[in-house]
Amino acid sequence: MSNLLSKIKSPEDLKRLELSELRILVDELRDRIINEVAAKEGHLGASLGVVELTVALHYIFNTPHDLLIWDVGHQAYGHKILTGRQEIFHSNRQFGGISGFPKMDESEYDAFGVGHS
């Protein structure tokens, strides 16, 4: 595996990838989410269902200037990883860790605080 995901610290890094590399990145992002949720807990289906959409939105739009609002927080795991929280994503939903949902005071990329549907 190419390990493209480890090079993504922000959506600006994502925009430097070639279109052909996005498929690889999507697979790596999906694997990361699966591994984290399997090791701890979380909402797997909703996040996996929007991996391609998450990558496309951050690739095309100028986030955080262009605001992304998720309808439920369960979809935001890929968003969190791509927006500077990759190194601490292991603490997702853990005491003292990052929130399981978009949280405005956690990141400038979280334009709206959403929760459980």
Protein backbone atom coordinates (compact mmCIF):
# COMPACT_ATOMS: atom_id res chain seq x y z
CA MET A 1 0.00 0.00 0.00
CA SER A 2 1.29 3.46 -0.83
CA ASN A 3 0.48 5.13 2.52
CA LEU A 4 -0.87 8.32 0.98
CA LEU A 5 -3.06 8.92 4.01
CA SER A 6 -0.07 9.50 6.30
CA LYS A 7 0.86 12.50 4.14
CA ILE A 8 -2.52 14.21 4.57
CA LYS A 9 -2.50 16.74 7.40
CA SER A 10 -5.15 19.03 5.91
CA PRO A 11 -7.37 19.33 2.85
CA GLU A 12 -4.61 21.40 1.22
CA ASP A 13 -2.44 18.26 1.20
CA LEU A 14 -5.31 16.33 -0.34
CA LYS A 15 -5.53 18.81 -3.22
CA ARG A 16 -1.92 18.07 -4.18
CA LEU A 17 -2.80 14.49 -5.09
CA GLU A 18 -3.44 13.39 -8.64
CA LEU A 19 -6.96 12.25 -9.42
CA SER A 20 -5.61 8.73 -9.96
CA GLU A 21 -4.31 8.70 -6.37
CA LEU A 22 -7.69 9.46 -4.85
CA ARG A 23 -8.89 5.85 -5.20
CA ILE A 24 -5.86 4.67 -3.22
CA LEU A 25 -6.46 7.34 -0.60
CA VAL A 26 -10.13 6.33 -0.28
CA ASP A 27 -9.11 2.72 0.35
CA GLU A 28 -6.55 3.78 2.96
CA LEU A 29 -9.06 6.06 4.68
CA ARG A 30 -11.65 3.28 4.76
CA ASP A 31 -9.08 0.87 6.26
CA ARG A 32 -8.11 3.41 8.91
CA ILE A 33 -11.72 3.91 9.98
CA ILE A 34 -12.36 0.15 10.10
CA ASN A 35 -9.22 -0.47 12.17
CA GLU A 36 -10.00 2.28 14.69
CA VAL A 37 -13.63 1.26 15.15
CA ALA A 38 -12.68 -2.42 15.44
CA ALA A 39 -10.15 -1.62 18.17
CA LYS A 40 -12.47 0.58 20.21
CA GLU A 41 -15.99 1.52 19.24
CA GLY A 42 -17.81 3.88 16.96
CA HIS A 43 -20.23 4.16 14.10
CA LEU A 44 -18.84 2.22 11.19
CA GLY A 45 -21.53 2.11 8.51
CA ALA A 46 -22.31 5.80 8.22
CA SER A 47 -18.65 6.79 8.01
CA LEU A 48 -17.79 4.12 5.46
CA GLY A 49 -20.79 5.07 3.36
CA VAL A 50 -19.46 8.58 2.77
CA VAL A 51 -15.70 8.02 2.38
CA GLU A 52 -15.69 8.85 -1.34
CA LEU A 53 -18.01 11.80 -0.79
CA THR A 54 -15.81 13.14 2.03
CA VAL A 55 -12.67 12.98 -0.08
CA ALA A 56 -14.44 14.58 -3.05
CA LEU A 57 -15.89 17.44 -0.99
CA HIS A 58 -12.54 18.32 0.56
CA TYR A 59 -10.78 17.92 -2.82
CA ILE A 60 -13.16 20.20 -4.69
CA PHE A 61 -14.24 22.78 -2.14
CA ASN A 62 -12.07 25.31 -0.32
CA THR A 63 -12.61 24.13 3.25
CA PRO A 64 -12.79 25.61 5.84
CA HIS A 65 -13.78 28.74 3.87
CA ASP A 66 -16.47 26.69 2.12
CA LEU A 67 -18.50 25.22 4.96
CA LEU A 68 -19.36 21.52 5.16
CA ILE A 69 -22.21 20.50 7.42
CA TRP A 70 -22.78 16.82 8.12
CA ASP A 71 -26.35 15.77 8.82
CA VAL A 72 -25.19 13.32 11.50
CA GLY A 73 -21.89 13.09 13.26
CA HIS A 74 -21.59 9.40 12.46
CA GLN A 75 -20.56 10.36 8.94
CA ALA A 76 -17.67 12.57 10.01
CA TYR A 77 -14.85 10.13 10.83
CA GLY A 78 -13.17 10.54 7.43
CA HIS A 79 -13.70 14.30 7.66
CA LYS A 80 -11.93 14.36 11.03
CA ILE A 81 -8.98 12.34 9.72
CA LEU A 82 -8.57 14.59 6.66
CA THR A 83 -8.79 17.82 8.66
CA GLY A 84 -5.81 17.63 10.97
CA ARG A 85 -6.96 15.04 13.49
CA GLN A 86 -5.36 11.98 11.98
CA GLU A 87 -2.66 11.77 14.65
CA ILE A 88 -5.21 11.88 17.47
CA PHE A 89 -8.05 9.98 15.80
CA HIS A 90 -7.22 6.97 17.97
CA SER A 91 -8.74 8.98 20.85
CA ASN A 92 -12.10 9.36 19.05
CA ARG A 93 -14.96 8.87 21.52
CA GLN A 94 -12.52 8.16 24.35
CA PHE A 95 -12.35 10.00 27.67
CA GLY A 96 -10.18 13.06 27.11
CA GLY A 97 -10.08 12.42 23.37
CA ILE A 98 -11.70 14.03 20.38
CA SER A 99 -15.45 14.08 20.00
CA GLY A 100 -17.22 11.42 17.98
CA PHE A 101 -19.11 14.20 16.23
CA PRO A 102 -18.17 17.47 14.51
CA LYS A 103 -17.49 20.01 17.23
CA MET A 104 -16.92 23.66 16.42
CA ASP A 105 -14.42 24.26 19.21
CA GLU A 106 -12.39 21.24 18.12
CA SER A 107 -11.60 22.31 14.56
CA GLU A 108 -12.12 25.21 12.19
CA TYR A 109 -13.32 22.58 9.69
CA ASP A 110 -16.31 21.72 11.90
CA ALA A 111 -18.76 24.40 10.78
CA PHE A 112 -21.67 23.14 12.85
CA GLY A 113 -21.97 20.90 15.88
CA VAL A 114 -24.11 17.90 15.06
CA GLY A 115 -24.83 14.89 17.17
CA HIS A 116 -26.79 11.69 17.14
CA SER A 117 -29.72 11.31 14.78
